[in-house]
Amino acid sequence: MKALHKLLATPAACTPTLLRLTLGIVFFPHGAQKVLGWFGGYGFSGTMGFFTNMMHIPALFAALAIAAEFLGALGLIFGAFTRIAAAGIVANMLVAIAMVHIKFGFFMNWYGNQKGEGIEYHILVIGIALALIFTGGGNWSMDQAIARKLESGKN
């Protein structure tokens, strides 16, 4: 129980809440594309096929990447296991940088004059996610509610 409490402990602060909701809301459409086929996505089987056949990512890692985006976004929105959700998103971004985006440099393709997107978005996401790993989910998170329940059970 002590390890669970450490995982869920979070300050009663609004800053992590704002970061958590921002990252979760930004990531939800990406995850929904990959799992549900929403927002022009290919759904789970189409995304798995692309990751495994075209990018040669092992099926286990492809499924974990999809789960990190979809379940991680939901976890962040609700503040459930915020640190784990944020860590999954950091892992996704690091892999995306290494496998796809580093060759396009730093900048996003704002003006359509390069062949792909650079890494600036990914760095922002990693920074926000690392802040959440260090602080937890903040106010109005499931983590906070569970941590308080665990604390009250000690007395």
Protein backbone atom coordinates (compact mmCIF):
# COMPACT_ATOMS: atom_id res chain seq x y z
CA MET A 1 0.00 0.00 0.00
CA LYS A 2 2.92 2.34 0.67
CA ALA A 3 4.14 2.02 -2.93
CA LEU A 4 0.61 2.64 -4.25
CA HIS A 5 0.31 5.73 -2.08
CA LYS A 6 3.64 7.07 -3.39
CA LEU A 7 2.49 6.44 -6.96
CA LEU A 8 -0.78 8.31 -6.43
CA ALA A 9 0.32 11.08 -4.04
CA THR A 10 -0.14 14.52 -5.54
CA PRO A 11 -0.27 18.08 -4.25
CA ALA A 12 -3.53 19.98 -3.91
CA ALA A 13 -2.50 22.30 -6.73
CA CYS A 14 -4.05 23.57 -9.95
CA THR A 15 -0.89 23.62 -12.09
CA PRO A 16 -0.60 19.84 -12.46
CA THR A 17 -4.35 19.71 -13.09
CA LEU A 18 -4.00 22.16 -15.96
CA LEU A 19 -1.03 20.27 -17.42
CA ARG A 20 -2.81 16.92 -17.02
CA LEU A 21 -6.01 18.08 -18.71
CA THR A 22 -4.14 19.85 -21.51
CA LEU A 23 -2.02 16.83 -22.35
CA GLY A 24 -4.94 14.42 -22.01
CA ILE A 25 -7.20 16.49 -24.26
CA VAL A 26 -4.45 16.90 -26.88
CA PHE A 27 -3.64 13.18 -26.86
CA PHE A 28 -7.19 11.82 -26.82
CA PRO A 29 -7.86 12.43 -30.55
CA HIS A 30 -4.56 10.74 -31.44
CA GLY A 31 -5.44 7.71 -29.35
CA ALA A 32 -9.02 7.67 -30.67
CA GLN A 33 -7.67 7.65 -34.23
CA LYS A 34 -5.61 4.59 -33.45
CA VAL A 35 -8.19 2.64 -31.41
CA LEU A 36 -11.60 3.75 -32.67
CA GLY A 37 -10.89 5.07 -36.15
CA TRP A 38 -12.22 8.50 -35.14
CA PHE A 39 -10.86 11.79 -36.52
CA GLY A 40 -9.75 10.17 -39.77
CA GLY A 41 -7.82 7.35 -38.12
CA TYR A 42 -7.56 3.72 -39.20
CA GLY A 43 -8.74 2.06 -36.00
CA PHE A 44 -6.93 -0.57 -34.01
CA SER A 45 -6.38 -3.20 -36.71
CA GLY A 46 -5.34 -0.64 -39.33
CA THR A 47 -2.91 1.03 -36.95
CA MET A 48 -1.50 -2.32 -35.81
CA GLY A 49 -0.99 -3.30 -39.44
CA PHE A 50 0.82 -0.06 -40.19
CA PHE A 51 3.03 -0.29 -37.10
CA THR A 52 3.92 -3.97 -37.56
CA ASN A 53 4.09 -4.25 -41.37
CA MET A 54 5.27 -0.83 -42.48
CA MET A 55 7.31 0.33 -39.49
CA HIS A 56 8.39 -3.18 -38.41
CA ILE A 57 7.49 -2.59 -34.77
CA PRO A 58 6.90 -5.84 -32.86
CA ALA A 59 3.18 -6.40 -32.18
CA LEU A 60 3.57 -6.16 -28.40
CA PHE A 61 5.26 -2.76 -28.63
CA ALA A 62 2.77 -1.55 -31.24
CA ALA A 63 -0.13 -2.49 -28.95
CA LEU A 64 1.58 -0.80 -25.99
CA ALA A 65 2.10 2.38 -28.03
CA ILE A 66 -1.57 2.44 -29.02
CA ALA A 67 -2.62 1.81 -25.42
CA ALA A 68 -0.30 4.53 -24.13
CA GLU A 69 -1.93 7.09 -26.40
CA PHE A 70 -5.56 6.07 -25.87
CA LEU A 71 -5.62 4.83 -22.29
CA GLY A 72 -2.92 7.31 -21.31
CA ALA A 73 -5.05 10.19 -22.57
CA LEU A 74 -8.07 8.93 -20.64
CA GLY A 75 -5.93 8.38 -17.56
CA LEU A 76 -4.68 11.94 -17.76
CA ILE A 77 -8.14 13.42 -18.30
CA PHE A 78 -9.49 11.61 -15.24
CA GLY A 79 -6.27 11.80 -13.25
CA ALA A 80 -6.06 8.02 -12.93
CA PHE A 81 -2.52 6.68 -12.54
CA THR A 82 -1.25 9.98 -13.89
CA ARG A 83 2.43 9.12 -13.51
CA ILE A 84 2.06 5.84 -15.44
CA ALA A 85 0.00 7.52 -18.17
CA ALA A 86 2.57 10.30 -18.51
CA ALA A 87 5.45 7.80 -18.61
CA GLY A 88 3.75 5.91 -21.44
CA ILE A 89 3.39 9.12 -23.41
CA VAL A 90 7.06 10.00 -22.81
CA ALA A 91 8.03 6.57 -24.16
CA ASN A 92 5.83 7.09 -27.23
CA MET A 93 7.34 10.48 -27.94
CA LEU A 94 10.91 9.24 -27.58
CA VAL A 95 10.23 6.40 -30.01
CA ALA A 96 8.46 8.76 -32.44
CA ILE A 97 11.45 11.11 -32.33
CA ALA A 98 13.95 8.32 -32.89
CA MET A 99 12.03 6.43 -35.58
CA VAL A 100 10.40 9.23 -37.57
CA HIS A 101 10.84 12.87 -36.64
CA ILE A 102 14.52 13.51 -35.82
CA LYS A 103 15.45 13.44 -39.50
CA PHE A 104 13.18 16.46 -40.10
CA GLY A 105 15.01 18.64 -37.60
CA PHE A 106 13.61 20.76 -34.80
CA PHE A 107 10.73 22.72 -36.31
CA MET A 108 7.24 21.54 -37.12
CA ASN A 109 6.27 21.84 -40.76
CA TRP A 110 4.38 25.11 -40.25
CA TYR A 111 4.77 26.33 -43.82
CA GLY A 112 4.69 23.02 -45.68
CA ASN A 113 8.22 23.40 -46.98
CA GLN A 114 9.74 20.24 -45.48
CA LYS A 115 8.87 16.57 -45.94
CA GLY A 116 7.82 15.89 -42.36
CA GLU A 117 7.35 17.24 -38.88
CA GLY A 118 10.30 18.09 -36.64
CA ILE A 119 10.61 17.37 -32.94
CA GLU A 120 9.46 20.60 -31.25
CA TYR A 121 5.96 19.25 -30.48
CA HIS A 122 7.46 16.08 -29.05
CA ILE A 123 9.77 18.05 -26.77
CA LEU A 124 6.81 20.05 -25.42
CA VAL A 125 4.87 16.85 -24.77
CA ILE A 126 7.85 15.26 -23.01
CA GLY A 127 8.30 18.34 -20.83
CA ILE A 128 4.65 18.38 -19.78
CA ALA A 129 4.63 14.63 -19.16
CA LEU A 130 7.81 14.79 -17.07
CA ALA A 131 6.29 17.53 -14.94
CA LEU A 132 3.31 15.23 -14.32
CA ILE A 133 5.59 12.32 -13.45
CA PHE A 134 7.29 14.49 -10.83
CA THR A 135 4.15 16.11 -9.40
CA GLY A 136 1.26 13.75 -10.01
CA GLY A 137 -2.21 14.70 -11.21
CA GLY A 138 -3.05 17.59 -8.90
CA ASN A 139 -6.51 18.69 -7.88
CA TRP A 140 -9.65 16.90 -9.02
CA SER A 141 -7.80 13.73 -9.94
CA MET A 142 -8.74 10.16 -9.14
CA ASP A 143 -5.18 9.76 -7.86
CA GLN A 144 -5.74 12.46 -5.26
CA ALA A 145 -9.02 10.92 -4.12
CA ILE A 146 -7.52 7.44 -3.79
CA ALA A 147 -4.40 8.76 -2.02
CA ARG A 148 -6.58 10.60 0.50
CA LYS A 149 -8.61 7.44 1.07
CA LEU A 150 -5.40 5.48 1.67
CA GLU A 151 -4.20 8.16 4.12
CA SER A 152 -7.46 8.15 6.03
CA GLY A 153 -7.31 4.37 6.30
CA LYS A 154 -3.95 4.61 8.13
CA ASN A 155 -5.44 6.50 11.08
